[in-house]
């Protein structure tokens, strides 16, 4: 995989896990990549579980997976909301079909479950959704970061350094 546009899409909804959204965004921007934040509505302020705000630049409806090299899904309670948008499910499926890197951490696995892309894939997540991941056909591992092809998954905030090192490795080849 080589970066074509240098653009990464970060999904957002209310009650995201603050560090799981902002650490990857800042780390990727620090690496010189453009990270666009998209929510249900463009220009809306979303608040994390601990109150840290983030403003969406785009709405899900105006996105095209072809404009991006990779996708990030944050954890927290946002994934339970994100998986209810048909546009989000279609985006995840398109990134998966294109074998573009998809990063998911903590509860973000719920979105990939709803997109039905985990059968036979090795992943990790917060242990709280292990059963959900396995019931979706995934092979769950209790490791800080697990990579299976273009899917990069991680457990929780303390694993962010390993998660982003691996995500960048997959993204940049």
Protein backbone atom coordinates (compact mmCIF):
# COMPACT_ATOMS: atom_id res chain seq x y z
CA UNK A 1 0.00 0.00 0.00
CA UNK A 2 1.35 3.38 -0.89
CA UNK A 3 -0.30 6.64 0.05
CA UNK A 4 -1.87 8.29 -2.99
CA UNK A 5 -3.55 11.38 -1.59
CA UNK A 6 -2.15 11.57 1.93
CA UNK A 7 -5.71 11.74 3.28
CA UNK A 8 -7.14 9.76 6.17
CA UNK A 9 -10.79 9.79 7.20
CA UNK A 10 -11.63 9.87 10.92
CA UNK A 11 -15.26 9.06 11.81
CA UNK A 12 -16.89 10.78 14.78
CA UNK A 13 -20.05 10.84 16.86
CA UNK A 14 -20.87 11.96 20.37
CA UNK A 15 -19.21 10.22 23.34
CA UNK A 16 -16.10 9.14 21.43
CA UNK A 17 -13.16 8.12 23.61
CA UNK A 18 -11.18 11.37 23.63
CA UNK A 19 -7.68 9.88 23.39
CA UNK A 20 -8.71 7.27 20.83
CA UNK A 21 -9.83 10.02 18.47
CA UNK A 22 -7.29 12.76 19.12
CA UNK A 23 -4.09 10.74 19.53
CA UNK A 24 -4.38 9.17 16.04
CA UNK A 25 -5.47 12.46 14.43
CA UNK A 26 -2.53 14.38 15.90
CA UNK A 27 -0.03 11.57 15.26
CA UNK A 28 -1.04 11.31 11.58
CA UNK A 29 -1.00 15.07 11.10
CA UNK A 30 2.43 15.11 12.71
CA UNK A 31 3.49 12.57 10.05
CA UNK A 32 2.36 15.01 7.34
CA UNK A 33 -0.97 13.41 6.44
CA UNK A 34 -4.27 15.22 6.09
CA UNK A 35 -6.92 13.88 8.47
CA UNK A 36 -10.54 14.83 7.80
CA UNK A 37 -13.13 14.39 10.53
CA UNK A 38 -16.62 13.37 9.44
CA UNK A 39 -19.85 13.06 11.41
CA UNK A 40 -23.55 12.93 10.69
CA UNK A 41 -23.51 16.69 10.05
CA UNK A 42 -20.69 18.91 8.80
CA UNK A 43 -19.69 21.72 11.13
CA UNK A 44 -21.14 20.06 14.23
CA UNK A 45 -19.26 20.03 17.52
CA UNK A 46 -19.04 16.54 18.99
CA UNK A 47 -17.90 15.99 22.57
CA UNK A 48 -15.87 13.08 23.81
CA UNK A 49 -16.62 11.06 26.93
CA UNK A 50 -14.42 13.45 28.93
CA UNK A 51 -15.68 16.61 27.26
CA UNK A 52 -12.97 17.27 24.70
CA UNK A 53 -14.64 18.74 21.58
CA UNK A 54 -14.03 17.99 17.93
CA UNK A 55 -15.75 19.62 14.96
CA UNK A 56 -16.71 17.57 11.91
CA UNK A 57 -15.54 18.99 8.62
CA UNK A 58 -17.74 16.74 6.49
CA UNK A 59 -21.00 14.83 6.74
CA UNK A 60 -21.12 11.11 6.02
CA UNK A 61 -23.35 11.75 3.00
CA UNK A 62 -20.75 13.83 1.15
CA UNK A 63 -17.87 11.36 1.47
CA UNK A 64 -16.33 9.18 -1.19
CA UNK A 65 -13.94 6.43 -0.15
CA UNK A 66 -11.92 7.04 -3.33
CA UNK A 67 -10.79 10.39 -1.87
CA UNK A 68 -9.02 8.68 1.05
CA UNK A 69 -6.13 6.33 1.68
CA UNK A 70 -7.31 5.02 5.06
CA UNK A 71 -10.09 5.05 7.64
CA UNK A 72 -10.04 5.41 11.42
CA UNK A 73 -12.88 4.49 13.78
CA UNK A 74 -12.57 5.72 17.38
CA UNK A 75 -13.74 3.87 20.45
CA UNK A 76 -15.87 5.02 23.33
CA UNK A 77 -19.63 4.95 22.95
CA UNK A 78 -19.53 6.59 19.50
CA UNK A 79 -19.23 3.26 17.63
CA UNK A 80 -22.65 2.17 18.88
CA UNK A 81 -24.05 5.28 17.17
CA UNK A 82 -21.81 5.19 14.08
CA UNK A 83 -22.89 1.67 13.12
CA UNK A 84 -26.48 2.85 12.77
CA UNK A 85 -25.73 5.09 9.76
CA UNK A 86 -26.07 3.27 6.43
CA UNK A 87 -23.49 5.70 4.95
CA UNK A 88 -20.91 4.63 7.54
CA UNK A 89 -21.50 0.95 6.87
CA UNK A 90 -21.13 1.51 3.11
CA UNK A 91 -17.90 3.47 3.67
CA UNK A 92 -16.39 0.74 5.85
CA UNK A 93 -17.35 -1.90 3.30
CA UNK A 94 -15.82 0.18 0.48
CA UNK A 95 -12.53 0.67 2.36
CA UNK A 96 -12.48 -3.07 3.08
CA UNK A 97 -13.21 -4.01 -0.54
CA UNK A 98 -10.39 -1.68 -1.64
CA UNK A 99 -8.02 -3.19 0.94
CA UNK A 100 -7.36 0.29 2.31
CA UNK A 101 -6.13 0.45 5.91
CA UNK A 102 -8.89 0.50 8.50
CA UNK A 103 -7.90 1.31 12.07
CA UNK A 104 -10.21 0.43 14.93
CA UNK A 105 -9.67 0.61 18.67
CA UNK A 106 -11.62 -0.40 21.76
CA UNK A 107 -15.39 -0.47 21.00
CA UNK A 108 -14.82 0.54 17.34
CA UNK A 109 -15.08 -3.12 16.44
CA UNK A 110 -18.85 -2.73 16.67
CA UNK A 111 -18.78 -0.72 13.43
CA UNK A 112 -16.79 -3.40 11.62
CA UNK A 113 -19.16 -6.07 12.99
CA UNK A 114 -22.15 -4.19 11.57
CA UNK A 115 -20.34 -3.85 8.24
CA UNK A 116 -19.91 -7.65 8.26
CA UNK A 117 -16.21 -7.60 7.38
CA UNK A 118 -14.68 -9.55 10.28
CA UNK A 119 -15.32 -13.20 9.39
CA UNK A 120 -12.04 -15.08 9.69
CA UNK A 121 -10.02 -11.95 10.53
CA UNK A 122 -7.60 -11.69 13.46
CA UNK A 123 -8.46 -8.69 15.64
CA UNK A 124 -8.39 -7.28 19.11
CA UNK A 125 -10.62 -4.84 20.97
CA UNK A 126 -11.60 -3.96 24.48
CA UNK A 127 -12.27 -7.30 26.20
CA UNK A 128 -15.83 -6.10 26.81
CA UNK A 129 -16.80 -6.78 23.18
CA UNK A 130 -14.74 -9.94 22.70
CA UNK A 131 -17.90 -12.07 22.46
CA UNK A 132 -19.37 -9.69 19.87
CA UNK A 133 -16.20 -9.88 17.77
CA UNK A 134 -16.05 -13.68 17.98
CA UNK A 135 -19.78 -14.02 17.22
CA UNK A 136 -19.10 -11.99 14.05
CA UNK A 137 -16.57 -14.64 13.04
CA UNK A 138 -13.39 -12.84 14.08
CA UNK A 139 -10.42 -14.51 15.75
CA UNK A 140 -9.93 -12.38 18.87
CA UNK A 141 -6.47 -11.94 20.41
CA UNK A 142 -5.58 -10.20 23.67
CA UNK A 143 -2.67 -8.14 22.33
CA UNK A 144 -1.96 -4.38 22.22
CA UNK A 145 -2.28 -4.30 18.44
CA UNK A 146 -3.27 -6.91 15.87
CA UNK A 147 -2.84 -6.55 12.12
CA UNK A 148 -4.57 -8.76 9.60
CA UNK A 149 -3.87 -7.46 6.12
CA UNK A 150 -5.28 -3.94 5.95
CA UNK A 151 -7.12 -4.16 9.31
CA UNK A 152 -5.29 -2.74 12.31
CA UNK A 153 -6.97 -3.14 15.69
CA UNK A 154 -6.10 -2.20 19.24
CA UNK A 155 -7.53 -2.63 22.74
CA UNK A 156 -7.53 0.65 24.64
CA UNK A 157 -5.75 4.02 25.23
CA UNK A 158 -2.56 2.61 26.82
CA UNK A 159 -1.98 0.72 23.55
CA UNK A 160 -2.14 3.87 21.37
CA UNK A 161 1.63 4.15 20.74
CA UNK A 162 1.86 0.58 19.36
CA UNK A 163 -1.45 1.03 17.49
CA UNK A 164 -0.31 4.14 15.66
CA UNK A 165 3.15 2.74 14.89
CA UNK A 166 1.50 -0.26 13.26
CA UNK A 167 -1.20 1.78 11.50
CA UNK A 168 1.44 4.07 9.97
CA UNK A 169 3.49 1.05 8.92
CA UNK A 170 0.49 -0.46 7.12
CA UNK A 171 -0.55 2.90 5.63
CA UNK A 172 2.87 3.94 4.39
CA UNK A 173 4.01 0.47 3.35
